Protein backbone atom coordinates (compact mmCIF):
# COMPACT_ATOMS: atom_id res chain seq x y z
CA MET A 1 61.71 21.87 -13.34
CA ALA A 2 61.53 25.40 -12.03
CA ASP A 3 57.82 24.76 -11.51
CA ARG A 4 58.75 22.87 -8.35
CA PHE A 5 60.31 26.05 -6.97
CA PRO A 6 58.13 28.90 -8.20
CA PRO A 7 59.45 32.39 -7.57
CA PRO A 8 57.50 34.43 -5.07
CA ALA A 9 55.26 37.16 -6.38
CA MET A 10 56.67 40.65 -6.72
CA LYS A 11 54.91 42.77 -4.11
CA VAL A 12 56.08 46.18 -5.36
CA THR A 13 55.80 47.72 -8.77
CA LYS A 14 58.56 49.26 -10.85
CA GLU A 15 57.11 52.69 -10.13
CA GLU A 16 57.29 52.11 -6.37
CA MET A 17 60.91 50.97 -6.68
CA ASP A 18 61.69 54.02 -8.80
CA ALA A 19 60.09 56.29 -6.20
CA ALA A 20 62.15 54.63 -3.45
CA ARG A 21 65.27 55.04 -5.62
CA LEU A 22 66.25 51.39 -5.28
CA PRO A 23 69.35 50.44 -7.28
CA TYR A 24 68.66 47.89 -10.01
CA ALA A 25 70.82 45.29 -8.25
CA TYR A 26 68.39 45.24 -5.30
CA ARG A 27 65.15 45.00 -7.26
CA ASP A 28 64.46 41.39 -6.42
CA TYR A 29 61.72 39.46 -4.65
CA CYS A 30 62.67 41.08 -1.33
CA ALA A 31 62.44 44.68 -2.54
CA HIS A 32 59.15 45.15 -0.68
CA LEU A 33 61.12 44.72 2.55
CA LEU A 34 64.10 46.82 1.52
CA ILE A 35 62.02 49.95 0.94
CA PRO A 36 60.89 50.26 4.60
CA LEU A 37 64.37 49.22 5.78
CA ASN A 38 65.99 52.02 3.80
CA ALA A 39 63.38 54.49 5.08
CA CYS A 40 64.11 53.41 8.66
CA ARG A 41 67.85 53.70 8.07
CA ALA A 42 67.47 57.22 6.71
CA LYS A 43 65.22 58.23 9.60
CA ALA A 44 67.72 56.85 12.15
CA THR A 45 70.68 58.44 10.30
CA TYR A 46 72.09 54.96 9.64
CA ALA A 47 72.63 54.14 13.31
CA PRO A 48 73.83 50.50 13.44
CA TRP A 49 71.55 49.57 16.37
CA ALA A 50 68.41 50.99 14.79
CA CYS A 51 66.12 49.08 12.41
CA GLY A 52 67.14 45.67 13.73
CA HIS A 53 63.77 44.05 13.09
CA GLU A 54 63.48 45.39 9.54
CA LYS A 55 67.02 44.24 8.77
CA HIS A 56 66.33 40.75 10.14
CA VAL A 57 63.16 40.37 8.08
CA TYR A 58 64.94 41.54 4.91
CA GLU A 59 67.93 39.24 5.46
CA LYS A 60 65.62 36.29 6.13
CA CYS A 61 63.87 36.95 2.83
CA GLN A 62 67.23 37.10 1.06
CA TYR A 63 68.26 33.80 2.66
CA LYS A 64 65.03 32.07 1.62
CA GLU A 65 65.51 33.30 -1.95
CA TRP A 66 69.11 32.04 -1.94
CA LYS A 67 67.93 28.62 -0.69
CA ARG A 68 65.35 28.50 -3.50
CA ARG A 69 68.02 29.25 -6.11
CA CYS A 70 70.30 26.58 -4.61
CA ALA A 71 67.50 24.02 -4.78
CA ILE A 72 66.95 24.88 -8.45
CA MET A 73 70.68 24.47 -9.13
CA ILE A 74 70.76 21.08 -7.39
CA GLU A 75 67.76 19.91 -9.40
CA GLU A 76 69.41 21.06 -12.63
CA LYS A 77 72.61 19.18 -11.77
CA ARG A 78 70.65 16.05 -10.91
CA ARG A 79 68.76 16.30 -14.18
CA MET A 80 72.00 16.63 -16.12
CA GLY A 81 73.55 13.68 -14.28
CA GLU A 82 76.28 15.69 -12.59
CA LEU A 83 74.93 14.94 -9.13
CA VAL A 84 73.81 11.59 -7.81
């Protein structure tokens, strides 16, 4: 069933995430976008108006991943007969 919604490929390695000091909670399929976003935030001293494009791209990736997980959940419920 999950073959219909394959996870995207990881684009960064564990070593790259370690070097960027990413917390384990954020080491997901969008980590390759979070690394440059965090670098931009640090460079701009966390100014809220800076890094808008990087933030948008990261949040879009997070949203697409959430939609994929929701689709998997709906398929699981349909398979189990909980959803018509």
